[in-house]
């Protein structure tokens, strides 16, 4: 009988400390990527870069070089301003 209360307590505790991730719009995500790259960062995950580009409405091939995709994202952001 006590195990149910025990499980409910730990479920409550887990929910208390696990925050929900903030939802970031596509343009903000793309801007953050470009800012990080301009500061000297290197995108380690090409799939993430492709996903950001697709969220902006760009068609991206899986075989496209990351540098090309980043340039297309830059152009899309320039058009969005």
C-alpha atoms as a PDB file:
ATOM      1  CA  UNK A   1       0.000   0.000   0.000  1.00  0.00           C
ATOM      2  CA  UNK A   2       2.812   2.422   0.808  1.00  0.00           C
ATOM      3  CA  UNK A   3       4.591   1.821  -2.478  1.00  0.00           C
ATOM      4  CA  UNK A   4       1.928   3.724  -4.428  1.00  0.00           C
ATOM      5  CA  UNK A   5       2.452   6.865  -2.346  1.00  0.00           C
ATOM      6  CA  UNK A   6       6.197   6.330  -2.685  1.00  0.00           C
ATOM      7  CA  UNK A   7       5.926   6.204  -6.496  1.00  0.00           C
ATOM      8  CA  UNK A   8       3.621   9.229  -6.597  1.00  0.00           C
ATOM      9  CA  UNK A   9       6.056  11.218  -4.471  1.00  0.00           C
ATOM     10  CA  UNK A  10       8.988  10.474  -6.758  1.00  0.00           C
ATOM     11  CA  UNK A  11       6.911  11.202  -9.845  1.00  0.00           C
ATOM     12  CA  UNK A  12       5.942  14.542  -8.344  1.00  0.00           C
ATOM     13  CA  UNK A  13       9.569  15.256  -7.422  1.00  0.00           C
ATOM     14  CA  UNK A  14      10.807  14.358 -10.903  1.00  0.00           C
ATOM     15  CA  UNK A  15       8.187  16.610 -12.519  1.00  0.00           C
ATOM     16  CA  UNK A  16       9.129  19.420 -10.164  1.00  0.00           C
ATOM     17  CA  UNK A  17      12.782  19.451 -11.209  1.00  0.00           C
ATOM     18  CA  UNK A  18      12.472  18.538 -14.870  1.00  0.00           C
ATOM     19  CA  UNK A  19      11.615  21.728 -16.679  1.00  0.00           C
ATOM     20  CA  UNK A  20       9.889  21.764 -19.992  1.00  0.00           C
ATOM     21  CA  UNK A  21      12.151  22.840 -22.846  1.00  0.00           C
ATOM     22  CA  UNK A  22      11.537  26.280 -24.257  1.00  0.00           C
ATOM     23  CA  UNK A  23      10.130  26.344 -27.761  1.00  0.00           C
ATOM     24  CA  UNK A  24      12.263  28.455 -30.076  1.00  0.00           C
ATOM     25  CA  UNK A  25      10.944  29.705 -33.397  1.00  0.00           C
ATOM     26  CA  UNK A  26      12.734  28.773 -36.616  1.00  0.00           C
ATOM     27  CA  UNK A  27      14.169  32.212 -37.284  1.00  0.00           C
ATOM     28  CA  UNK A  28      15.591  32.523 -33.765  1.00  0.00           C
ATOM     29  CA  UNK A  29      17.145  29.079 -34.066  1.00  0.00           C
ATOM     30  CA  UNK A  30      18.740  30.015 -37.379  1.00  0.00           C
ATOM     31  CA  UNK A  31      20.032  33.324 -35.982  1.00  0.00           C
ATOM     32  CA  UNK A  32      21.580  31.518 -33.005  1.00  0.00           C
ATOM     33  CA  UNK A  33      23.296  29.080 -35.366  1.00  0.00           C
ATOM     34  CA  UNK A  34      24.751  31.884 -37.511  1.00  0.00           C
ATOM     35  CA  UNK A  35      25.897  33.847 -34.439  1.00  0.00           C
ATOM     36  CA  UNK A  36      27.646  30.752 -33.069  1.00  0.00           C
ATOM     37  CA  UNK A  37      29.365  30.121 -36.408  1.00  0.00           C
ATOM     38  CA  UNK A  38      30.447  33.770 -36.680  1.00  0.00           C
ATOM     39  CA  UNK A  39      32.008  33.533 -33.219  1.00  0.00           C
ATOM     40  CA  UNK A  40      34.175  30.687 -34.433  1.00  0.00           C
ATOM     41  CA  UNK A  41      31.987  27.715 -33.660  1.00  0.00           C
ATOM     42  CA  UNK A  42      31.859  24.741 -35.956  1.00  0.00           C
ATOM     43  CA  UNK A  43      28.561  22.899 -36.435  1.00  0.00           C
ATOM     44  CA  UNK A  44      29.239  19.337 -35.366  1.00  0.00           C
ATOM     45  CA  UNK A  45      25.908  17.919 -36.426  1.00  0.00           C
ATOM     46  CA  UNK A  46      25.087  18.465 -40.126  1.00  0.00           C
ATOM     47  CA  UNK A  47      21.649  16.924 -39.614  1.00  0.00           C
ATOM     48  CA  UNK A  48      20.785  19.689 -37.136  1.00  0.00           C
ATOM     49  CA  UNK A  49      21.900  22.353 -39.626  1.00  0.00           C
ATOM     50  CA  UNK A  50      19.775  20.691 -42.318  1.00  0.00           C
ATOM     51  CA  UNK A  51      16.781  20.565 -39.970  1.00  0.00           C
ATOM     52  CA  UNK A  52      17.088  24.285 -39.222  1.00  0.00           C
ATOM     53  CA  UNK A  53      17.235  24.992 -42.962  1.00  0.00           C
ATOM     54  CA  UNK A  54      14.177  22.824 -43.611  1.00  0.00           C
ATOM     55  CA  UNK A  55      12.285  24.624 -40.828  1.00  0.00           C
ATOM     56  CA  UNK A  56      12.982  27.863 -42.699  1.00  0.00           C
ATOM     57  CA  UNK A  57      11.387  26.353 -45.798  1.00  0.00           C
ATOM     58  CA  UNK A  58      14.555  25.486 -47.685  1.00  0.00           C
ATOM     59  CA  UNK A  59      14.922  22.228 -49.566  1.00  0.00           C
ATOM     60  CA  UNK A  60      18.175  20.622 -48.482  1.00  0.00           C
ATOM     61  CA  UNK A  61      19.770  17.478 -49.811  1.00  0.00           C
ATOM     62  CA  UNK A  62      21.348  15.122 -47.314  1.00  0.00           C
ATOM     63  CA  UNK A  63      24.427  15.176 -49.527  1.00  0.00           C
ATOM     64  CA  UNK A  64      24.732  18.974 -49.578  1.00  0.00           C
ATOM     65  CA  UNK A  65      27.854  20.355 -47.905  1.00  0.00           C
ATOM     66  CA  UNK A  66      27.232  22.039 -44.550  1.00  0.00           C
ATOM     67  CA  UNK A  67      28.946  25.229 -45.726  1.00  0.00           C
ATOM     68  CA  UNK A  68      26.497  25.529 -48.629  1.00  0.00           C
ATOM     69  CA  UNK A  69      23.537  24.999 -46.327  1.00  0.00           C
ATOM     70  CA  UNK A  70      24.838  27.645 -43.922  1.00  0.00           C
ATOM     71  CA  UNK A  71      25.131  30.155 -46.778  1.00  0.00           C
ATOM     72  CA  UNK A  72      21.560  29.389 -47.821  1.00  0.00           C
ATOM     73  CA  UNK A  73      20.421  29.961 -44.220  1.00  0.00           C
ATOM     74  CA  UNK A  74      22.256  33.312 -44.191  1.00  0.00           C
ATOM     75  CA  UNK A  75      20.480  34.355 -47.397  1.00  0.00           C
ATOM     76  CA  UNK A  76      17.099  33.248 -46.017  1.00  0.00           C
ATOM     77  CA  UNK A  77      17.659  35.300 -42.874  1.00  0.00           C
ATOM     78  CA  UNK A  78      18.639  38.335 -44.970  1.00  0.00           C
ATOM     79  CA  UNK A  79      15.373  38.008 -46.918  1.00  0.00           C
ATOM     80  CA  UNK A  80      13.374  37.668 -43.682  1.00  0.00           C
ATOM     81  CA  UNK A  81      14.569  41.036 -42.334  1.00  0.00           C
END
